[in-house]
């Protein structure tokens, strides 16, 4: 794997981590500020947070595997 490909994977990991963090903040805000009134939003936001975190995890695993290949 080339350095450019590794940088692309690193960028993807950072992007997915940012998206997961943003989604986690939305979940946190719901829990802290709007529950129990907004309980109807809980499943949608929780699922979106799960998907965002899973996307980050998959991107991170790809990066770690590529880095291990180079070592």
PDB file of N, CA and C in Angstrom:
ATOM      1  N   UNK A   1       0.850  -1.172   0.000  1.00  0.00           N
ATOM      2  CA  UNK A   1       0.000   0.000   0.000  1.00  0.00           C
ATOM      3  C   UNK A   1       0.898   1.239   0.000  1.00  0.00           C
ATOM      4  N   UNK A   2       0.535   2.216  -0.783  1.00  0.00           N
ATOM      5  CA  UNK A   2       1.357   3.424  -0.909  1.00  0.00           C
ATOM      6  C   UNK A   2       1.069   4.394   0.234  1.00  0.00           C
ATOM      7  N   UNK A   3       1.983   5.352   0.386  1.00  0.00           N
ATOM      8  CA  UNK A   3       1.789   6.393   1.395  1.00  0.00           C
ATOM      9  C   UNK A   3       0.521   7.191   1.117  1.00  0.00           C
ATOM     10  N   UNK A   4       0.244   7.418  -0.143  1.00  0.00           N
ATOM     11  CA  UNK A   4      -0.957   8.165  -0.513  1.00  0.00           C
ATOM     12  C   UNK A   4      -2.230   7.407  -0.099  1.00  0.00           C
ATOM     13  N   UNK A   5      -2.224   6.098  -0.284  1.00  0.00           N
ATOM     14  CA  UNK A   5      -3.375   5.289   0.107  1.00  0.00           C
ATOM     15  C   UNK A   5      -3.551   5.289   1.634  1.00  0.00           C
ATOM     16  N   UNK A   6      -2.431   5.239   2.352  1.00  0.00           N
ATOM     17  CA  UNK A   6      -2.482   5.302   3.820  1.00  0.00           C
ATOM     18  C   UNK A   6      -3.055   6.646   4.257  1.00  0.00           C
ATOM     19  N   UNK A   7      -2.602   7.733   3.638  1.00  0.00           N
ATOM     20  CA  UNK A   7      -3.121   9.064   3.977  1.00  0.00           C
ATOM     21  C   UNK A   7      -4.624   9.152   3.709  1.00  0.00           C
ATOM     22  N   UNK A   8      -5.069   8.530   2.629  1.00  0.00           N
ATOM     23  CA  UNK A   8      -6.496   8.522   2.317  1.00  0.00           C
ATOM     24  C   UNK A   8      -7.274   7.778   3.397  1.00  0.00           C
ATOM     25  N   UNK A   9      -6.745   6.646   3.834  1.00  0.00           N
ATOM     26  CA  UNK A   9      -7.397   5.892   4.913  1.00  0.00           C
ATOM     27  C   UNK A   9      -7.414   6.704   6.212  1.00  0.00           C
ATOM     28  N   UNK A  10      -6.307   7.392   6.513  1.00  0.00           N
ATOM     29  CA  UNK A  10      -6.245   8.236   7.713  1.00  0.00           C
ATOM     30  C   UNK A  10      -7.294   9.339   7.639  1.00  0.00           C
ATOM     31  N   UNK A  11      -7.434   9.945   6.475  1.00  0.00           N
ATOM     32  CA  UNK A  11      -8.422  10.997   6.281  1.00  0.00           C
ATOM     33  C   UNK A  11      -9.836  10.444   6.481  1.00  0.00           C
ATOM     34  N   UNK A  12     -10.073   9.250   5.970  1.00  0.00           N
ATOM     35  CA  UNK A  12     -11.377   8.610   6.112  1.00  0.00           C
ATOM     36  C   UNK A  12     -11.687   8.316   7.582  1.00  0.00           C
ATOM     37  N   UNK A  13     -10.681   7.866   8.316  1.00  0.00           N
ATOM     38  CA  UNK A  13     -10.859   7.592   9.746  1.00  0.00           C
ATOM     39  C   UNK A  13     -11.210   8.886  10.478  1.00  0.00           C
ATOM     40  N   UNK A  14     -10.473   9.954  10.199  1.00  0.00           N
ATOM     41  CA  UNK A  14     -10.739  11.240  10.857  1.00  0.00           C
ATOM     42  C   UNK A  14     -12.141  11.747  10.539  1.00  0.00           C
ATOM     43  N   UNK A  15     -12.543  11.624   9.278  1.00  0.00           N
ATOM     44  CA  UNK A  15     -13.879  12.071   8.871  1.00  0.00           C
ATOM     45  C   UNK A  15     -14.951  11.277   9.603  1.00  0.00           C
ATOM     46  N   UNK A  16     -14.794   9.954   9.635  1.00  0.00           N
ATOM     47  CA  UNK A  16     -15.776   9.109  10.306  1.00  0.00           C
ATOM     48  C   UNK A  16     -15.794   9.339  11.810  1.00  0.00           C
ATOM     49  N   UNK A  17     -14.644   9.630  12.390  1.00  0.00           N
ATOM     50  CA  UNK A  17     -14.602   9.925  13.823  1.00  0.00           C
ATOM     51  C   UNK A  17     -15.330  11.229  14.115  1.00  0.00           C
ATOM     52  N   UNK A  18     -15.144  12.223  13.252  1.00  0.00           N
ATOM     53  CA  UNK A  18     -15.844  13.500  13.427  1.00  0.00           C
ATOM     54  C   UNK A  18     -17.347  13.299  13.334  1.00  0.00           C
ATOM     55  N   UNK A  19     -17.782  12.536  12.331  1.00  0.00           N
ATOM     56  CA  UNK A  19     -19.214  12.276  12.169  1.00  0.00           C
ATOM     57  C   UNK A  19     -19.786  11.511  13.366  1.00  0.00           C
ATOM     58  N   UNK A  20     -19.038  10.548  13.866  1.00  0.00           N
ATOM     59  CA  UNK A  20     -19.487   9.789  15.037  1.00  0.00           C
ATOM     60  C   UNK A  20     -19.570  10.692  16.265  1.00  0.00           C
ATOM     61  N   UNK A  21     -18.604  11.579  16.414  1.00  0.00           N
ATOM     62  CA  UNK A  21     -18.615  12.512  17.546  1.00  0.00           C
ATOM     63  C   UNK A  21     -19.795  13.465  17.464  1.00  0.00           C
ATOM     64  N   UNK A  22     -20.071  13.956  16.266  1.00  0.00           N
ATOM     65  CA  UNK A  22     -21.217  14.847  16.088  1.00  0.00           C
ATOM     66  C   UNK A  22     -22.518  14.132  16.427  1.00  0.00           C
ATOM     67  N   UNK A  23     -22.637  12.900  15.983  1.00  0.00           N
ATOM     68  CA  UNK A  23     -23.852  12.130  16.265  1.00  0.00           C
ATOM     69  C   UNK A  23     -23.962  11.839  17.751  1.00  0.00           C
ATOM     70  N   UNK A  24     -22.838  11.546  18.402  1.00  0.00           N
ATOM     71  CA  UNK A  24     -22.839  11.298  19.841  1.00  0.00           C
ATOM     72  C   UNK A  24     -23.261  12.553  20.604  1.00  0.00           C
ATOM     73  N   UNK A  25     -22.838  13.721  20.125  1.00  0.00           N
ATOM     74  CA  UNK A  25     -23.257  14.968  20.765  1.00  0.00           C
ATOM     75  C   UNK A  25     -24.765  15.175  20.640  1.00  0.00           C
ATOM     76  N   UNK A  26     -25.309  14.815  19.477  1.00  0.00           N
ATOM     77  CA  UNK A  26     -26.757  14.936  19.292  1.00  0.00           C
ATOM     78  C   UNK A  26     -27.500  14.019  20.263  1.00  0.00           C
ATOM     79  N   UNK A  27     -27.001  12.799  20.417  1.00  0.00           N
ATOM     80  CA  UNK A  27     -27.599  11.864  21.366  1.00  0.00           C
ATOM     81  C   UNK A  27     -27.483  12.406  22.789  1.00  0.00           C
ATOM     82  N   UNK A  28     -26.333  12.931  23.127  1.00  0.00           N
ATOM     83  CA  UNK A  28     -26.113  13.505  24.454  1.00  0.00           C
ATOM     84  C   UNK A  28     -27.081  14.658  24.708  1.00  0.00           C
ATOM     85  N   UNK A  29     -27.233  15.542  23.725  1.00  0.00           N
ATOM     86  CA  UNK A  29     -28.147  16.669  23.882  1.00  0.00           C
ATOM     87  C   UNK A  29     -29.583  16.193  24.088  1.00  0.00           C
ATOM     88  N   UNK A  30     -29.971  15.168  23.351  1.00  0.00           N
ATOM     89  CA  UNK A  30     -31.312  14.617  23.522  1.00  0.00           C
ATOM     90  C   UNK A  30     -31.489  14.118  24.951  1.00  0.00           C
ATOM     91  N   UNK A  31     -30.528  13.374  25.432  1.00  0.00           N
ATOM     92  CA  UNK A  31     -30.624  12.793  26.768  1.00  0.00           C
ATOM     93  C   UNK A  31     -30.610  13.868  27.844  1.00  0.00           C
ATOM     94  N   UNK A  32     -29.711  14.823  27.711  1.00  0.00           N
ATOM     95  CA  UNK A  32     -29.550  15.846  28.729  1.00  0.00           C
ATOM     96  C   UNK A  32     -30.660  16.897  28.725  1.00  0.00           C
ATOM     97  N   UNK A  33     -31.124  17.266  27.532  1.00  0.00           N
ATOM     98  CA  UNK A  33     -31.983  18.445  27.435  1.00  0.00           C
ATOM     99  C   UNK A  33     -33.438  18.168  27.075  1.00  0.00           C
ATOM    100  N   UNK A  34     -33.704  17.096  26.340  1.00  0.00           N
ATOM    101  CA  UNK A  34     -35.044  16.974  25.777  1.00  0.00           C
ATOM    102  C   UNK A  34     -35.845  15.776  26.261  1.00  0.00           C
ATOM    103  N   UNK A  35     -35.197  14.825  26.913  1.00  0.00           N
ATOM    104  CA  UNK A  35     -35.961  13.698  27.443  1.00  0.00           C
ATOM    105  C   UNK A  35     -36.641  14.099  28.739  1.00  0.00           C
ATOM    106  N   UNK A  36     -37.755  13.600  29.089  1.00  0.00           N
ATOM    107  CA  UNK A  36     -38.506  12.534  28.455  1.00  0.00           C
ATOM    108  C   UNK A  36     -39.454  13.014  27.341  1.00  0.00           C
ATOM    109  N   UNK A  37     -39.615  14.317  27.188  1.00  0.00           N
ATOM    110  CA  UNK A  37     -40.576  14.816  26.194  1.00  0.00           C
ATOM    111  C   UNK A  37     -40.295  14.323  24.784  1.00  0.00           C
ATOM    112  N   UNK A  38     -39.038  14.226  24.403  1.00  0.00           N
ATOM    113  CA  UNK A  38     -38.671  13.880  23.027  1.00  0.00           C
ATOM    114  C   UNK A  38     -38.305  12.403  22.889  1.00  0.00           C
ATOM    115  N   UNK A  39     -38.907  11.565  23.700  1.00  0.00           N
ATOM    116  CA  UNK A  39     -38.558  10.137  23.672  1.00  0.00           C
ATOM    117  C   UNK A  39     -38.767   9.514  22.296  1.00  0.00           C
ATOM    118  N   UNK A  40     -39.641  10.072  21.501  1.00  0.00           N
ATOM    119  CA  UNK A  40     -39.895   9.538  20.164  1.00  0.00           C
ATOM    120  C   UNK A  40     -38.695   9.649  19.236  1.00  0.00           C
ATOM    121  N   UNK A  41     -37.771  10.533  19.549  1.00  0.00           N
ATOM    122  CA  UNK A  41     -36.566  10.709  18.739  1.00  0.00           C
ATOM    123  C   UNK A  41     -35.446   9.756  19.135  1.00  0.00           C
ATOM    124  N   UNK A  42     -35.584   9.130  20.279  1.00  0.00           N
ATOM    125  CA  UNK A  42     -34.488   8.345  20.860  1.00  0.00           C
ATOM    126  C   UNK A  42     -33.994   7.222  19.959  1.00  0.00           C
ATOM    127  N   UNK A  43     -34.890   6.407  19.440  1.00  0.00           N
ATOM    128  CA  UNK A  43     -34.449   5.264  18.622  1.00  0.00           C
ATOM    129  C   UNK A  43     -33.749   5.711  17.345  1.00  0.00           C
ATOM    130  N   UNK A  44     -34.263   6.725  16.685  1.00  0.00           N
ATOM    131  CA  UNK A  44     -33.643   7.206  15.453  1.00  0.00           C
ATOM    132  C   UNK A  44     -32.251   7.761  15.686  1.00  0.00           C
ATOM    133  N   UNK A  45     -32.120   8.581  16.716  1.00  0.00           N
ATOM    134  CA  UNK A  45     -30.818   9.186  17.017  1.00  0.00           C
ATOM    135  C   UNK A  45     -29.845   8.124  17.519  1.00  0.00           C
ATOM    136  N   UNK A  46     -30.323   7.216  18.348  1.00  0.00           N
ATOM    137  CA  UNK A  46     -29.448   6.142  18.846  1.00  0.00           C
ATOM    138  C   UNK A  46     -28.970   5.270  17.697  1.00  0.00           C
ATOM    139  N   UNK A  47     -29.852   4.936  16.765  1.00  0.00           N
ATOM    140  CA  UNK A  47     -29.456   4.118  15.621  1.00  0.00           C
ATOM    141  C   UNK A  47     -28.453   4.849  14.739  1.00  0.00           C
ATOM    142  N   UNK A  48     -28.690   6.130  14.492  1.00  0.00           N
ATOM    143  CA  UNK A  48     -27.759   6.917  13.680  1.00  0.00           C
ATOM    144  C   UNK A  48     -26.386   7.003  14.356  1.00  0.00           C
ATOM    145  N   UNK A  49     -26.379   7.097  15.671  1.00  0.00           N
ATOM    146  CA  UNK A  49     -25.119   7.133  16.419  1.00  0.00           C
ATOM    147  C   UNK A  49     -24.396   5.793  16.299  1.00  0.00           C
ATOM    148  N   UNK A  50     -25.132   4.703  16.412  1.00  0.00           N
ATOM    149  CA  UNK A  50     -24.552   3.367  16.271  1.00  0.00           C
ATOM    150  C   UNK A  50     -23.925   3.197  14.888  1.00  0.00           C
ATOM    151  N   UNK A  51     -24.648   3.589  13.850  1.00  0.00           N
ATOM    152  CA  UNK A  51     -24.145   3.455  12.479  1.00  0.00           C
ATOM    153  C   UNK A  51     -22.893   4.301  12.282  1.00  0.00           C
ATOM    154  N   UNK A  52     -22.900   5.521  12.796  1.00  0.00           N
ATOM    155  CA  UNK A  52     -21.733   6.399  12.653  1.00  0.00           C
ATOM    156  C   UNK A  52     -20.516   5.800  13.367  1.00  0.00           C
ATOM    157  N   UNK A  53     -20.729   5.260  14.541  1.00  0.00           N
ATOM    158  CA  UNK A  53     -19.614   4.641  15.281  1.00  0.00           C
ATOM    159  C   UNK A  53     -19.122   3.373  14.576  1.00  0.00           C
ATOM    160  N   UNK A  54     -20.039   2.609  14.029  1.00  0.00           N
ATOM    161  CA  UNK A  54     -19.651   1.398  13.296  1.00  0.00           C
ATOM    162  C   UNK A  54     -18.844   1.761  12.051  1.00  0.00           C
ATOM    163  N   UNK A  55     -19.247   2.809  11.347  1.00  0.00           N
ATOM    164  CA  UNK A  55     -18.500   3.264  10.174  1.00  0.00           C
ATOM    165  C   UNK A  55     -17.084   3.674  10.555  1.00  0.00           C
ATOM    166  N   UNK A  56     -16.955   4.388  11.682  1.00  0.00           N
ATOM    167  CA  UNK A  56     -15.616   4.765  12.154  1.00  0.00           C
ATOM    168  C   UNK A  56     -14.795   3.510  12.468  1.00  0.00           C
ATOM    169  N   UNK A  57     -15.400   2.559  13.163  1.00  0.00           N
ATOM    170  CA  UNK A  57     -14.691   1.338  13.543  1.00  0.00           C
ATOM    171  C   UNK A  57     -14.192   0.586  12.318  1.00  0.00           C
ATOM    172  N   UNK A  58     -15.019   0.474  11.302  1.00  0.00           N
ATOM    173  CA  UNK A  58     -14.616  -0.234  10.084  1.00  0.00           C
ATOM    174  C   UNK A  58     -13.482   0.504   9.368  1.00  0.00           C
ATOM    175  N   UNK A  59     -13.580   1.831   9.288  1.00  0.00           N
ATOM    176  CA  UNK A  59     -12.514   2.615   8.656  1.00  0.00           C
ATOM    177  C   UNK A  59     -11.219   2.485   9.447  1.00  0.00           C
ATOM    178  N   UNK A  60     -11.326   2.511  10.767  1.00  0.00           N
ATOM    179  CA  UNK A  60     -10.139   2.401  11.615  1.00  0.00           C
ATOM    180  C   UNK A  60      -9.482   1.031  11.465  1.00  0.00           C
ATOM    181  N   UNK A  61     -10.291  -0.018  11.377  1.00  0.00           N
ATOM    182  CA  UNK A  61      -9.735  -1.361  11.199  1.00  0.00           C
ATOM    183  C   UNK A  61      -8.993  -1.479   9.864  1.00  0.00           C
ATOM    184  N   UNK A  62      -9.535  -0.863   8.815  1.00  0.00           N
ATOM    185  CA  UNK A  62      -8.853  -0.868   7.515  1.00  0.00           C
ATOM    186  C   UNK A  62      -7.499  -0.170   7.618  1.00  0.00           C
ATOM    187  N   UNK A  63      -7.487   0.974   8.299  1.00  0.00           N
ATOM    188  CA  UNK A  63      -6.236   1.713   8.466  1.00  0.00           C
ATOM    189  C   UNK A  63      -5.225   0.895   9.257  1.00  0.00           C
ATOM    190  N   UNK A  64      -5.645   0.321  10.360  1.00  0.00           N
ATOM    191  CA  UNK A  64      -4.724  -0.474  11.187  1.00  0.00           C
ATOM    192  C   UNK A  64      -4.165  -1.668  10.412  1.00  0.00           C
ATOM    193  N   UNK A  65      -4.995  -2.314   9.614  1.00  0.00           N
ATOM    194  CA  UNK A  65      -4.541  -3.447   8.817  1.00  0.00           C
ATOM    195  C   UNK A  65      -3.519  -2.986   7.774  1.00  0.00           C
ATOM    196  N   UNK A  66      -3.785  -1.853   7.145  1.00  0.00           N
ATOM    197  CA  UNK A  66      -2.848  -1.329   6.133  1.00  0.00           C
ATOM    198  C   UNK A  66      -1.528  -0.941   6.782  1.00  0.00           C
ATOM    199  N   UNK A  67      -1.585  -0.346   7.956  1.00  0.00           N
ATOM    200  CA  UNK A  67      -0.360   0.024   8.667  1.00  0.00           C
ATOM    201  C   UNK A  67       0.411  -1.200   9.098  1.00  0.00           C
ATOM    202  N   UNK A  68      -0.283  -2.239   9.483  1.00  0.00           N
ATOM    203  CA  UNK A  68       0.385  -3.479   9.893  1.00  0.00           C
ATOM    204  C   UNK A  68       1.099  -4.141   8.720  1.00  0.00           C
ATOM    205  N   UNK A  69       0.515  -4.011   7.523  1.00  0.00           N
ATOM    206  CA  UNK A  69       1.148  -4.547   6.321  1.00  0.00           C
ATOM    207  C   UNK A  69       2.503  -3.883   6.057  1.00  0.00           C
ATOM    208  N   UNK A  70       2.574  -2.596   6.352  1.00  0.00           N
ATOM    209  CA  UNK A  70       3.799  -1.846   6.086  1.00  0.00           C
ATOM    210  C   UNK A  70       4.879  -2.132   7.111  1.00  0.00           C
ATOM    211  N   UNK A  71       4.474  -2.576   8.298  1.00  0.00           N
ATOM    212  CA  UNK A  71       5.442  -2.797   9.379  1.00  0.00           C
ATOM    213  C   UNK A  71       6.249  -4.046   9.180  1.00  0.00           C
TER     214      UNK A  71
END
